[in-house]
Amino acid sequence: MTPQNNSTIVNFIWQVADDILRDIYVKGKYRDVILPMTVLTRIDSELVETKEKVLAEYAKFKDKITNIEPILDRATGYAFYNVSPFTLKNLLKDPGNLKANFKRYLNGYSSNIQDILQKFKFENQIPTLEESDILFALIQKFSDASEKLSPKSLSNHDMGYVFEELIRKFNEENNEEAGEHFTPREVIRLMTNLLFLPVQSDIRDRPLSIYDPCVGSGGMLSVSKDFIQWDESQIHSNANIFTFGQEINPETYALCKADMLLKWERDNQVAFGSTLSNDGFPDDKFDFVLTNPPYGKSWKTDEDKLATGNKKEILDARFSVGTPRINDGQLLFILHMLSKMKHDTPLGTRVASVHNGSALFTGDAGSGESEIRKYIIENDYLEAIVALPKEIFYNTGIGTCIWIMTNRKPAHKKGKIQLINATSNKFFSRMTKCLGNKRVELKDEHIEKIYGIFDDFKEGEFSKVFDNADFGYTQIIVERPKRDEKGAIVLKKWKPETDADLRDKENIPLKDDIQAYFEREVLPFAPDAWISDKERKVGYEINFNKHFYEYAPPRSLEDITRDILALEAETEGVLSSIIQ
């Protein structure tokens, strides 16, 4: 389905909401009714054909078998069912008992669908819908739209677009972040290219597991699976693909779980809760991991749950390397993903993760952030970082980048890291209509161009290849002597006393000889300085701007003067009109 057709469905659903819920709900609250009703309609449409068979099986076995779910699942062909005698359509035949029958209909669903409805808190809306006398009209509208919203007419892939656009519209009505729960699909397509194409020959004929620890509504898993199995793709795999995810937001968890169930996925492949403090798959490893974790967001709640014992230490093995500052937990998600790597298979694990710039350089040597980068780089997990254009996300205009990590680097990439600068306008197009903060987009040709640079693994205008050690440094303490009023050095036990106010740090590249660097870069400017014998620390940071800096000459005085005079002329006209 084309984006235009997706927009038609979005507009249709929004119009249904506007026709029925207006004056009862503010627009930002439409979501509390519309999202669960859309999910219910899709699920209901898949159960109509097998309704009589399910009711017969239920009547036959309900008093004879403790676990009747497998029998009813087989009857529907899905991992869910409804044992009430109702469908959305036949609920309308008895308007006088609609509220009671609707509750019976909801309660007739299998436990996994009940979980979805509970996360939506949908039952809380029924009194309002009935008291406002709009429950019948609501069910009628969605019942009439059943064919249009059915997975047979609207694929799960396209439904993902629809849900994401609806959430964006709802959030805009609430003046909330427009894209908090999802990543633009073209960014996901770029990630899938970088993740899967380098190993395409190894993944065509074997079962694969794909995991997203911040799964949202499931977009990354959906696009990944389609990318591998799509008939016209370079991979076109017939392998069984198992998708797993975890989500902390109840609403988006519900959307993701419904999507998985409609794809015949197993019921237990999406977990609810915080990935950091309550890993939903503690014993599992995966072939591929990709995500867009929250950045610039506090992880204090997780810290409180993770810290144990009298000393309140974080003993979780995933985070033994170190922890970042409390106001930004994005690097914890990297450690979590690395803990999910398979180390005993030929394929190993490939990881793609979106981060903002602070993950590259925040934190001094010895800090949690630097220690995490040190762990990643010294274990040779980091394959490449791709800097994305600004204004590509719905909820932020800041710079972001994709980290590609693996524990199975090809031989020619071992000990190397590639930086790709895709921020140039050669790698994006301006959108004719902005979506929140999103003003640019990646077309297919841009994705192909970026992947081509990644695949070539060569130096160029937009690509730099470095040794791992190029991003490391040794931090030393530089001391200088204290001097008296006459400028003489103050001695203490026959040695110069250090002046704490003049103490400084120097970060010396790992490839440099420390003494040679000190003599070259420090002593010419501070001849009385010496290197402290205190502990030296090794840190790592990745400074993108340093490696892709482009000098922009200052504007000429003539240009500046011309603009000032033009501005003064415009201002004078405005002032004159005001005075008159």
Protein backbone atom coordinates (compact mmCIF):
# COMPACT_ATOMS: atom_id res chain seq x y z
CA MET A 1 0.00 0.00 0.00
CA THR A 2 1.24 3.49 -0.84
CA PRO A 3 1.71 6.28 1.72
CA GLN A 4 -1.26 8.02 0.06
CA ASN A 5 -3.51 5.02 0.77
CA ASN A 6 -2.22 4.85 4.33
CA SER A 7 -3.13 8.52 4.71
CA THR A 8 -6.62 7.74 3.41
CA ILE A 9 -7.08 5.15 6.17
CA VAL A 10 -5.71 7.54 8.78
CA ASN A 11 -8.08 10.26 7.64
CA PHE A 12 -10.98 7.82 7.65
CA ILE A 13 -10.28 6.69 11.23
CA TRP A 14 -9.77 10.27 12.36
CA GLN A 15 -13.08 11.27 10.75
CA VAL A 16 -14.86 8.42 12.56
CA ALA A 17 -13.43 9.76 15.80
CA ASP A 18 -14.40 13.32 14.97
CA ASP A 19 -17.96 12.34 14.00
CA ILE A 20 -18.64 10.31 17.14
CA LEU A 21 -16.32 11.44 19.93
CA ARG A 22 -16.30 15.18 19.36
CA ASP A 23 -17.92 17.09 22.25
CA ILE A 24 -17.43 14.01 24.48
CA TYR A 25 -13.64 13.72 24.28
CA VAL A 26 -11.00 16.33 23.56
CA LYS A 27 -9.12 15.38 20.39
CA GLY A 28 -5.99 14.38 22.27
CA LYS A 29 -8.08 11.79 24.14
CA TYR A 30 -9.55 10.20 20.99
CA ARG A 31 -6.70 7.72 21.23
CA ASP A 32 -8.17 6.13 24.39
CA VAL A 33 -11.07 4.86 22.29
CA ILE A 34 -9.86 4.81 18.70
CA LEU A 35 -6.66 2.78 19.09
CA PRO A 36 -8.26 -0.14 21.02
CA MET A 37 -11.33 -0.12 18.74
CA THR A 38 -9.11 -0.28 15.66
CA VAL A 39 -7.18 -3.21 17.14
CA LEU A 40 -10.43 -4.94 18.15
CA THR A 41 -11.86 -4.51 14.65
CA ARG A 42 -8.83 -6.12 13.06
CA ILE A 43 -8.88 -9.02 15.52
CA ASP A 44 -12.66 -9.44 15.25
CA SER A 45 -12.50 -9.57 11.46
CA GLU A 46 -10.16 -12.56 11.63
CA LEU A 47 -12.42 -14.52 13.98
CA VAL A 48 -15.77 -14.20 12.16
CA GLU A 49 -15.24 -17.14 9.79
CA THR A 50 -14.33 -19.57 12.58
CA LYS A 51 -16.86 -18.28 15.14
CA GLU A 52 -19.21 -21.26 15.04
CA LYS A 53 -16.34 -23.74 15.12
CA VAL A 54 -14.82 -22.06 18.19
CA LEU A 55 -18.15 -22.01 20.02
CA ALA A 56 -18.68 -25.71 19.25
CA GLU A 57 -15.18 -26.65 20.45
CA TYR A 58 -15.60 -24.52 23.55
CA ALA A 59 -18.94 -26.15 24.45
CA LYS A 60 -17.45 -29.58 23.86
CA PHE A 61 -14.27 -29.25 25.95
CA LYS A 62 -14.75 -26.43 28.49
CA ASP A 63 -15.70 -28.77 31.33
CA LYS A 64 -13.37 -31.59 30.33
CA ILE A 65 -9.95 -30.01 29.73
CA THR A 66 -8.05 -27.65 32.02
CA ASN A 67 -6.03 -25.98 29.28
CA ILE A 68 -8.45 -25.46 26.43
CA GLU A 69 -6.43 -22.68 24.74
CA PRO A 70 -4.48 -24.87 22.26
CA ILE A 71 -7.73 -26.39 20.98
CA LEU A 72 -9.37 -23.01 20.46
CA ASP A 73 -6.20 -21.59 18.89
CA ARG A 74 -6.25 -24.40 16.36
CA ALA A 75 -9.90 -23.67 15.65
CA THR A 76 -9.18 -20.00 14.81
CA GLY A 77 -5.82 -20.54 13.16
CA TYR A 78 -4.41 -17.82 15.42
CA ALA A 79 -2.97 -17.66 18.92
CA PHE A 80 -6.18 -16.00 20.17
CA TYR A 81 -9.96 -16.54 20.20
CA ASN A 82 -13.28 -15.28 21.58
CA VAL A 83 -15.75 -17.65 23.29
CA SER A 84 -18.62 -15.16 23.57
CA PRO A 85 -21.47 -15.55 21.05
CA PHE A 86 -20.84 -12.02 19.81
CA THR A 87 -19.03 -10.28 17.01
CA LEU A 88 -18.93 -6.53 16.52
CA LYS A 89 -21.61 -6.86 13.89
CA ASN A 90 -24.15 -8.98 15.77
CA LEU A 91 -23.76 -6.87 18.92
CA LEU A 92 -25.84 -4.28 17.09
CA LYS A 93 -28.87 -6.62 16.92
CA ASP A 94 -29.72 -6.01 20.58
CA PRO A 95 -29.29 -2.28 21.28
CA GLY A 96 -31.14 -2.49 24.59
CA ASN A 97 -28.49 -4.78 26.09
CA LEU A 98 -25.52 -3.37 24.26
CA LYS A 99 -23.40 -2.41 27.28
CA ALA A 100 -23.80 -5.81 28.99
CA ASN A 101 -23.25 -7.71 25.75
CA PHE A 102 -20.24 -5.61 24.83
CA LYS A 103 -18.63 -6.37 28.20
CA ARG A 104 -19.42 -10.06 27.68
CA TYR A 105 -17.87 -9.82 24.22
CA LEU A 106 -14.68 -8.26 25.63
CA ASN A 107 -14.47 -10.79 28.46
CA GLY A 108 -14.84 -13.63 25.96
CA TYR A 109 -11.42 -12.98 24.47
CA SER A 110 -8.41 -15.14 25.26
CA SER A 111 -6.04 -13.97 27.98
CA ASN A 112 -3.53 -12.46 25.56
CA ILE A 113 -6.18 -10.18 24.04
CA GLN A 114 -7.39 -9.36 27.56
CA ASP A 115 -3.85 -8.23 28.32
CA ILE A 116 -3.91 -5.90 25.31
CA LEU A 117 -7.25 -4.39 26.34
CA GLN A 118 -6.06 -3.92 29.92
CA LYS A 119 -2.96 -2.06 28.75
CA PHE A 120 -5.25 0.24 26.74
CA LYS A 121 -7.47 0.59 29.87
CA PHE A 122 -10.32 0.34 27.42
CA GLU A 123 -12.96 -0.86 29.89
CA ASN A 124 -12.62 2.49 31.67
CA GLN A 125 -14.11 4.16 28.59
CA ILE A 126 -17.29 2.07 28.37
CA PRO A 127 -19.32 4.02 31.01
CA THR A 128 -18.52 7.30 29.23
CA LEU A 129 -19.42 5.83 25.84
CA GLU A 130 -22.73 4.50 27.13
CA GLU A 131 -23.69 7.52 29.23
CA SER A 132 -23.02 9.74 26.22
CA ASP A 133 -25.18 7.42 24.09
CA ILE A 134 -22.44 6.89 21.50
CA LEU A 135 -21.48 3.24 22.14
CA PHE A 136 -23.87 1.93 19.48
CA ALA A 137 -22.70 4.47 16.88
CA LEU A 138 -19.05 3.70 17.65
CA ILE A 139 -19.45 -0.06 17.26
CA GLN A 140 -21.54 0.45 14.12
CA LYS A 141 -18.89 2.65 12.49
CA PHE A 142 -16.11 0.16 13.17
CA SER A 143 -18.25 -2.81 12.23
CA ASP A 144 -18.97 -1.16 8.87
CA ALA A 145 -15.22 -0.56 8.47
CA SER A 146 -14.31 -4.16 9.33
CA GLU A 147 -13.40 -5.14 5.78
CA LYS A 148 -11.40 -1.97 5.23
CA LEU A 149 -9.39 -2.46 8.43
CA SER A 150 -9.03 -6.24 8.14
CA PRO A 151 -5.48 -7.63 7.81
CA LYS A 152 -6.63 -9.09 4.50
CA SER A 153 -7.12 -5.55 3.16
CA LEU A 154 -4.63 -3.62 5.28
CA SER A 155 -1.41 -5.51 6.00
CA ASN A 156 0.24 -5.37 9.40
CA HIS A 157 3.10 -3.50 7.77
CA ASP A 158 0.75 -0.78 6.52
CA MET A 159 -1.23 -0.81 9.74
CA GLY A 160 2.04 0.09 11.47
CA TYR A 161 2.23 3.25 9.38
CA VAL A 162 -1.40 4.03 10.20
CA PHE A 163 -0.93 3.59 13.95
CA GLU A 164 2.20 5.69 13.96
CA GLU A 165 0.51 8.50 12.05
CA LEU A 166 -2.50 8.36 14.40
CA ILE A 167 -0.25 8.52 17.45
CA ARG A 168 1.57 11.48 15.94
CA LYS A 169 -1.73 13.30 15.40
CA PHE A 170 -2.95 12.49 18.91
CA ASN A 171 0.31 13.69 20.45
CA GLU A 172 0.24 16.90 18.48
CA GLU A 173 -3.25 17.58 19.82
CA ASN A 174 -1.82 17.16 23.33
CA ASN A 175 1.26 19.25 22.53
CA GLU A 176 3.34 16.17 23.31
CA GLU A 177 6.37 14.86 21.48
CA ALA A 178 5.15 13.74 18.10
CA GLY A 179 7.43 10.76 17.59
CA GLU A 180 8.17 9.52 21.08
CA HIS A 181 7.29 5.93 20.31
CA PHE A 182 8.49 5.31 16.78
CA THR A 183 11.29 5.80 14.29
CA PRO A 184 10.78 7.03 10.70
CA ARG A 185 10.51 4.03 8.43
CA GLU A 186 13.25 5.22 6.09
CA VAL A 187 15.68 5.28 9.03
CA ILE A 188 14.66 1.70 9.85
CA ARG A 189 15.18 0.72 6.20
CA LEU A 190 18.69 2.15 6.36
CA MET A 191 19.33 0.19 9.55
CA THR A 192 18.10 -3.04 7.97
CA ASN A 193 20.38 -2.52 4.98
CA LEU A 194 23.39 -1.98 7.25
CA LEU A 195 22.40 -4.88 9.50
CA PHE A 196 21.40 -7.64 7.09
CA LEU A 197 22.99 -7.08 3.67
CA PRO A 198 26.61 -7.70 4.82
CA VAL A 199 25.61 -11.24 5.85
CA GLN A 200 22.89 -11.90 3.27
CA SER A 201 24.47 -15.12 2.03
CA ASP A 202 24.53 -16.52 5.56
CA ILE A 203 20.88 -15.90 6.52
CA ARG A 204 18.83 -17.33 3.66
CA ASP A 205 18.38 -20.89 4.87
CA ARG A 206 18.50 -20.86 8.66
CA PRO A 207 16.15 -19.78 11.47
CA LEU A 208 16.82 -16.24 12.68
CA SER A 209 15.95 -14.31 15.81
CA ILE A 210 15.53 -10.52 15.81
CA TYR A 211 15.17 -8.49 19.00
CA ASP A 212 14.24 -4.88 19.81
CA PRO A 213 14.58 -3.97 23.52
CA CYS A 214 12.64 -0.70 23.01
CA VAL A 215 10.13 -2.12 20.58
CA GLY A 216 7.46 0.58 20.62
CA SER A 217 4.66 -0.40 18.25
CA GLY A 218 6.91 -2.99 16.58
CA GLY A 219 7.99 -1.06 13.47
CA MET A 220 11.62 -2.17 13.52
CA LEU A 221 10.71 -5.85 13.86
CA SER A 222 8.08 -5.61 11.13
CA VAL A 223 10.37 -3.84 8.64
CA SER A 224 13.25 -6.21 9.46
CA LYS A 225 11.22 -9.32 8.85
CA ASP A 226 9.77 -7.95 5.61
CA PHE A 227 13.22 -6.86 4.44
CA ILE A 228 14.62 -10.38 4.81
CA GLN A 229 11.64 -12.22 3.33
CA TRP A 230 10.44 -9.81 0.65
CA ASP A 231 10.40 -11.43 -2.77
CA GLU A 232 12.09 -8.51 -4.51
CA SER A 233 14.78 -7.96 -1.90
CA GLN A 234 18.40 -8.95 -2.30
CA ILE A 235 18.02 -11.53 0.45
CA HIS A 236 14.62 -13.16 -0.22
CA SER A 237 15.01 -15.66 2.59
CA ASN A 238 12.64 -18.55 3.24
CA ALA A 239 14.03 -18.99 6.74
CA ASN A 240 11.81 -18.95 9.81
CA ILE A 241 12.20 -15.58 11.52
CA PHE A 242 11.32 -15.15 15.19
CA THR A 243 10.85 -11.61 16.48
CA PHE A 244 11.14 -10.51 20.10
CA GLY A 245 10.63 -7.17 21.79
CA GLN A 246 10.09 -5.38 25.07
CA GLU A 247 8.21 -2.14 25.70
CA ILE A 248 7.57 -0.06 28.81
CA ASN A 249 4.72 2.11 27.47
CA PRO A 250 1.39 0.24 27.94
CA GLU A 251 -0.32 1.62 24.85
CA THR A 252 2.48 0.91 22.39
CA TYR A 253 3.08 -2.47 24.03
CA ALA A 254 -0.56 -3.30 23.30
CA LEU A 255 -0.20 -2.24 19.65
CA CYS A 256 2.94 -4.31 19.24
CA LYS A 257 1.46 -7.40 20.88
CA ALA A 258 -1.65 -7.19 18.70
CA ASP A 259 0.54 -6.87 15.61
CA MET A 260 2.57 -9.93 16.58
CA LEU A 261 -0.52 -12.04 17.29
CA LEU A 262 -2.01 -11.14 13.91
CA LYS A 263 1.21 -12.36 12.30
CA TRP A 264 0.82 -15.75 13.96
CA GLU A 265 3.78 -15.03 16.24
CA ARG A 266 3.97 -16.86 19.56
CA ASP A 267 2.25 -15.13 22.45
CA ASN A 268 5.34 -14.71 24.62
CA GLN A 269 7.55 -12.83 22.18
CA VAL A 270 6.80 -9.32 23.39
CA ALA A 271 7.43 -8.48 27.05
CA PHE A 272 6.04 -5.60 29.06
CA GLY A 273 8.13 -3.49 31.43
CA SER A 274 11.49 -1.77 31.66
CA THR A 275 14.23 -3.55 29.73
CA LEU A 276 16.91 -2.12 32.02
CA SER A 277 15.50 -3.17 35.39
CA ASN A 278 13.30 -6.12 34.34
CA ASP A 279 14.75 -7.91 31.31
CA GLY A 280 11.90 -9.84 29.70
CA PHE A 281 14.28 -12.35 28.08
CA PRO A 282 17.06 -12.82 30.65
CA ASP A 283 18.34 -16.11 29.25
CA ASP A 284 18.00 -15.44 25.54
CA LYS A 285 20.57 -14.50 22.91
CA PHE A 286 19.69 -13.21 19.44
CA ASP A 287 21.11 -13.16 15.91
CA PHE A 288 20.17 -9.53 15.31
CA VAL A 289 19.35 -6.65 17.62
CA LEU A 290 18.14 -3.21 16.58
CA THR A 291 16.52 -0.37 18.45
CA ASN A 292 16.10 3.34 18.99
CA PRO A 293 16.45 3.71 22.78
CA PRO A 294 15.46 6.84 24.69
CA TYR A 295 18.27 9.37 24.98
CA GLY A 296 18.58 12.34 27.27
CA LYS A 297 16.17 10.56 29.62
CA SER A 298 16.74 9.78 33.29
CA TRP A 299 17.13 6.15 34.37
CA LYS A 300 16.72 6.94 38.09
CA THR A 301 13.69 4.65 38.44
CA ASP A 302 15.70 1.77 36.98
CA GLU A 303 18.65 2.56 39.23
CA ASP A 304 16.41 2.33 42.30
CA LYS A 305 15.28 -1.13 41.20
CA LEU A 306 18.72 -2.35 40.14
CA ALA A 307 20.64 -1.16 43.22
CA THR A 308 20.68 -3.93 45.83
CA GLY A 309 22.22 -4.74 49.19
CA ASN A 310 23.31 -2.42 51.98
CA LYS A 311 25.65 -0.53 49.66
CA LYS A 312 22.93 -0.11 47.01
CA GLU A 313 25.25 -1.35 44.27
CA ILE A 314 24.22 -2.37 40.77
CA LEU A 315 25.33 -5.97 40.59
CA ASP A 316 23.56 -6.87 37.34
CA ALA A 317 26.23 -8.46 35.13
CA ARG A 318 24.97 -6.55 32.08
CA PHE A 319 26.17 -3.29 33.60
CA SER A 320 29.38 -4.41 35.29
CA VAL A 321 31.43 -2.35 32.80
CA GLY A 322 30.07 0.90 34.18
CA THR A 323 27.02 3.12 34.29
CA PRO A 324 26.46 6.56 32.74
CA ARG A 325 25.22 9.67 34.51
CA ILE A 326 21.69 9.38 35.83
CA ASN A 327 20.10 11.82 33.37
CA ASP A 328 20.89 9.78 30.24
CA GLY A 329 20.68 5.99 30.12
CA GLN A 330 21.16 5.37 26.40
CA LEU A 331 24.56 3.69 26.79
CA LEU A 332 23.00 1.20 29.23
CA PHE A 333 20.89 -0.06 26.35
CA ILE A 334 24.07 -0.70 24.35
CA LEU A 335 25.45 -2.80 27.20
CA HIS A 336 22.14 -4.63 27.41
CA MET A 337 22.22 -5.36 23.67
CA LEU A 338 25.81 -6.56 23.80
CA SER A 339 24.78 -8.96 26.58
CA LYS A 340 22.39 -10.53 24.06
CA MET A 341 25.15 -11.43 21.61
CA LYS A 342 25.66 -15.01 20.50
CA HIS A 343 29.32 -15.96 20.86
CA ASP A 344 29.10 -19.62 19.88
CA THR A 345 27.70 -19.37 16.34
CA PRO A 346 29.40 -18.59 13.01
CA LEU A 347 27.05 -15.63 12.44
CA GLY A 348 27.43 -14.21 15.92
CA THR A 349 25.24 -11.13 16.45
CA ARG A 350 24.85 -7.86 14.59
CA VAL A 351 23.47 -4.77 16.35
CA ALA A 352 22.12 -1.49 14.99
CA SER A 353 21.17 1.26 17.44
CA VAL A 354 20.22 4.93 17.08
CA HIS A 355 21.78 7.48 19.47
CA ASN A 356 22.28 11.18 19.78
CA GLY A 357 25.72 12.78 19.75
CA SER A 358 26.33 12.70 23.49
CA ALA A 359 26.86 8.93 23.43
CA LEU A 360 29.97 9.55 21.33
CA PHE A 361 31.88 11.83 23.67
CA THR A 362 30.16 12.58 26.98
CA GLY A 363 32.18 11.66 30.06
CA ASP A 364 35.82 12.03 31.00
CA ALA A 365 38.32 9.18 31.15
CA GLY A 366 37.29 6.78 33.89
CA SER A 367 33.63 7.85 33.79
CA GLY A 368 30.88 5.36 33.13
CA GLU A 369 30.29 6.65 29.60
CA SER A 370 33.97 6.46 28.68
CA GLU A 371 34.32 3.00 30.22
CA ILE A 372 31.39 1.75 28.15
CA ARG A 373 32.93 3.12 24.94
CA LYS A 374 36.25 1.61 25.99
CA TYR A 375 34.61 -1.80 26.45
CA ILE A 376 32.92 -1.63 23.05
CA ILE A 377 35.99 -0.51 21.13
CA GLU A 378 38.62 -2.63 22.88
CA ASN A 379 36.47 -5.71 22.28
CA ASP A 380 36.35 -4.69 18.60
CA TYR A 381 32.55 -4.66 18.52
CA LEU A 382 32.12 -1.27 16.83
CA GLU A 383 32.04 -1.62 13.04
CA ALA A 384 30.70 1.77 11.92
CA ILE A 385 28.85 4.91 12.94
CA VAL A 386 26.62 6.70 10.45
CA ALA A 387 25.76 10.33 11.22
CA LEU A 388 22.19 11.06 10.08
CA PRO A 389 20.80 14.36 8.79
CA LYS A 390 19.30 16.67 11.37
CA GLU A 391 15.52 17.10 11.44
CA ILE A 392 14.91 13.51 10.34
CA PHE A 393 13.01 12.47 13.50
CA TYR A 394 9.49 13.54 14.47
CA ASN A 395 10.32 14.65 18.00
CA THR A 396 13.77 16.20 17.75
CA GLY A 397 15.82 18.28 15.36
CA ILE A 398 19.16 17.34 16.93
CA GLY A 399 21.86 15.25 15.31
CA THR A 400 21.58 11.47 15.60
CA CYS A 401 23.63 8.54 14.41
CA ILE A 402 23.41 4.79 13.90
CA TRP A 403 25.91 2.53 15.67
CA ILE A 404 26.63 -0.76 13.89
CA MET A 405 28.21 -3.38 16.16
CA THR A 406 29.11 -7.02 15.71
CA ASN A 407 31.21 -9.74 17.30
CA ARG A 408 31.97 -11.19 13.86
CA LYS A 409 33.77 -8.46 11.95
CA PRO A 410 35.05 -9.51 8.51
CA ALA A 411 38.82 -9.82 8.35
CA HIS A 412 39.40 -6.52 6.51
CA LYS A 413 37.45 -4.62 9.19
CA LYS A 414 39.08 -6.12 12.27
CA GLY A 415 40.58 -3.45 14.48
CA LYS A 416 38.95 -0.75 12.34
CA ILE A 417 36.02 1.64 12.72
CA GLN A 418 34.33 3.46 9.84
CA LEU A 419 32.70 6.87 10.28
CA ILE A 420 30.17 7.88 7.62
CA ASN A 421 28.96 11.47 7.43
CA ALA A 422 25.48 11.33 5.88
CA THR A 423 24.48 14.80 7.08
CA SER A 424 25.10 16.42 3.68
CA ASN A 425 22.11 17.36 1.52
CA LYS A 426 23.39 14.75 -0.92
CA PHE A 427 21.86 12.16 1.41
CA PHE A 428 18.36 13.53 1.99
CA SER A 429 15.45 15.41 0.46
CA ARG A 430 13.47 18.27 1.94
CA MET A 431 9.86 17.36 2.72
CA THR A 432 7.09 19.47 1.21
CA LYS A 433 5.15 19.16 4.48
CA CYS A 434 6.78 18.90 7.90
CA LEU A 435 5.69 16.23 10.38
CA GLY A 436 6.46 17.60 13.82
CA ASN A 437 10.20 18.32 13.81
CA LYS A 438 10.70 16.06 10.81
CA ARG A 439 11.62 18.20 7.81
CA VAL A 440 13.85 15.86 5.78
CA GLU A 441 13.59 12.28 4.57
CA LEU A 442 15.77 9.55 3.08
CA LYS A 443 14.72 8.29 -0.33
CA ASP A 444 15.68 4.83 -1.61
CA GLU A 445 18.56 6.32 -3.59
CA HIS A 446 19.96 7.95 -0.45
CA ILE A 447 19.81 4.66 1.46
CA GLU A 448 21.56 2.87 -1.41
CA LYS A 449 24.25 5.55 -1.51
CA ILE A 450 24.92 5.34 2.25
CA TYR A 451 25.03 1.56 2.16
CA GLY A 452 27.38 1.67 -0.82
CA ILE A 453 29.82 3.81 1.17
CA PHE A 454 29.54 1.41 4.11
CA ASP A 455 30.07 -1.61 1.88
CA ASP A 456 33.08 -0.07 0.07
CA PHE A 457 34.81 0.61 3.40
CA LYS A 458 37.11 3.19 1.83
CA GLU A 459 38.32 6.67 2.65
CA GLY A 460 36.44 9.43 0.87
CA GLU A 461 34.64 12.72 1.23
CA PHE A 462 31.96 11.19 3.42
CA SER A 463 33.84 8.21 4.83
CA LYS A 464 36.81 7.88 7.18
CA VAL A 465 38.35 4.61 8.37
CA PHE A 466 40.30 4.54 11.63
CA ASP A 467 42.15 2.11 13.82
CA ASN A 468 40.35 1.39 17.09
CA ALA A 469 43.20 3.01 18.98
CA ASP A 470 42.63 6.31 17.16
CA PHE A 471 39.70 7.01 19.46
CA GLY A 472 41.54 6.26 22.69
CA TYR A 473 43.67 8.49 24.85
CA THR A 474 45.68 8.35 28.04
CA GLN A 475 44.73 11.03 30.52
CA ILE A 476 47.61 12.34 32.62
CA ILE A 477 47.73 14.92 35.39
CA VAL A 478 50.08 17.84 34.76
CA GLU A 479 51.42 19.58 37.86
CA ARG A 480 53.09 22.94 38.25
CA PRO A 481 54.95 24.39 41.26
CA LYS A 482 53.58 26.84 43.78
CA ARG A 483 55.50 30.14 43.85
CA ASP A 484 55.89 32.76 46.57
CA GLU A 485 55.29 36.50 46.23
CA LYS A 486 58.71 36.94 44.60
CA GLY A 487 58.04 34.23 42.05
CA ALA A 488 60.36 31.70 43.65
CA ILE A 489 59.32 28.04 43.70
CA VAL A 490 58.08 26.88 47.12
CA LEU A 491 59.81 23.71 48.25
CA LYS A 492 58.37 21.00 50.46
CA LYS A 493 60.73 18.27 51.66
CA TRP A 494 63.25 19.47 49.09
CA LYS A 495 60.73 19.06 46.29
CA PRO A 496 58.61 21.69 44.54
CA GLU A 497 55.20 22.00 46.20
CA THR A 498 52.36 21.53 43.74
CA ASP A 499 49.92 24.34 43.06
CA ALA A 500 46.43 22.81 42.96
CA ASP A 501 45.08 25.86 41.13
CA LEU A 502 47.49 25.25 38.24
CA ARG A 503 46.86 21.50 38.05
CA ASP A 504 45.66 20.43 34.61
CA LYS A 505 44.82 17.34 32.57
CA GLU A 506 46.15 16.29 29.20
CA ASN A 507 44.53 13.68 26.96
CA ILE A 508 47.31 12.05 24.96
CA PRO A 509 46.36 9.89 21.94
CA LEU A 510 47.09 6.22 22.58
CA LYS A 511 49.37 6.06 19.58
CA ASP A 512 51.58 8.86 20.93
CA ASP A 513 54.52 8.38 23.27
CA ILE A 514 53.49 10.11 26.49
CA GLN A 515 56.86 11.68 27.25
CA ALA A 516 57.40 12.82 23.69
CA TYR A 517 53.93 14.38 23.60
CA PHE A 518 54.55 16.10 26.94
CA GLU A 519 57.82 17.58 25.74
CA ARG A 520 56.26 18.69 22.47
CA GLU A 521 52.87 20.00 23.55
CA VAL A 522 53.25 21.03 27.19
CA LEU A 523 56.79 22.06 28.12
CA PRO A 524 57.11 24.81 25.48
CA PHE A 525 54.20 26.61 27.19
CA ALA A 526 54.88 25.58 30.80
CA PRO A 527 58.61 24.82 31.23
CA ASP A 528 58.19 24.19 34.99
CA ALA A 529 55.49 21.51 34.54
CA TRP A 530 55.88 17.81 35.27
CA ILE A 531 53.74 14.68 34.91
CA SER A 532 52.09 13.56 38.13
CA ASP A 533 52.76 10.04 39.32
CA LYS A 534 49.05 9.63 40.07
CA GLU A 535 47.05 6.95 38.24
CA ARG A 536 46.75 7.39 34.51
CA LYS A 537 43.38 6.67 32.93
CA VAL A 538 42.56 5.45 29.45
CA GLY A 539 39.46 6.99 27.88
CA TYR A 540 37.64 6.81 24.55
CA GLU A 541 35.62 9.36 22.64
CA ILE A 542 34.52 9.79 19.04
CA ASN A 543 34.57 13.36 17.81
CA PHE A 544 32.67 13.38 14.51
CA ASN A 545 33.05 17.11 13.88
CA LYS A 546 36.81 16.89 14.25
CA HIS A 547 37.09 14.36 11.44
CA PHE A 548 34.55 15.96 9.10
CA TYR A 549 35.15 19.62 9.84
CA GLU A 550 34.47 21.92 6.92
CA TYR A 551 35.82 25.44 7.08
CA ALA A 552 33.19 28.09 6.35
CA PRO A 553 34.80 31.47 5.63
CA PRO A 554 33.24 34.47 7.39
CA ARG A 555 30.93 36.66 5.36
CA SER A 556 32.46 39.73 3.79
CA LEU A 557 31.91 43.15 5.32
CA GLU A 558 30.25 44.24 2.08
CA ASP A 559 27.61 41.48 2.34
CA ILE A 560 26.94 42.23 6.00
CA THR A 561 26.63 45.99 5.32
CA ARG A 562 24.26 45.35 2.43
CA ASP A 563 21.99 43.18 4.59
CA ILE A 564 21.95 45.71 7.44
CA LEU A 565 20.98 48.54 5.09
CA ALA A 566 18.25 46.44 3.52
CA LEU A 567 16.90 45.54 6.96
CA GLU A 568 16.92 49.20 8.02
CA ALA A 569 14.96 50.14 4.90
CA GLU A 570 12.34 47.49 5.62
CA THR A 571 12.09 48.53 9.27
CA GLU A 572 11.71 52.21 8.37
CA GLY A 573 8.71 51.39 6.19
CA VAL A 574 7.06 49.41 8.99
CA LEU A 575 7.63 52.19 11.53
CA SER A 576 6.21 54.77 9.14
CA SER A 577 3.02 52.77 8.64
CA ILE A 578 2.61 52.35 12.42
CA ILE A 579 3.12 56.09 13.12
CA GLN A 580 0.61 57.06 10.42
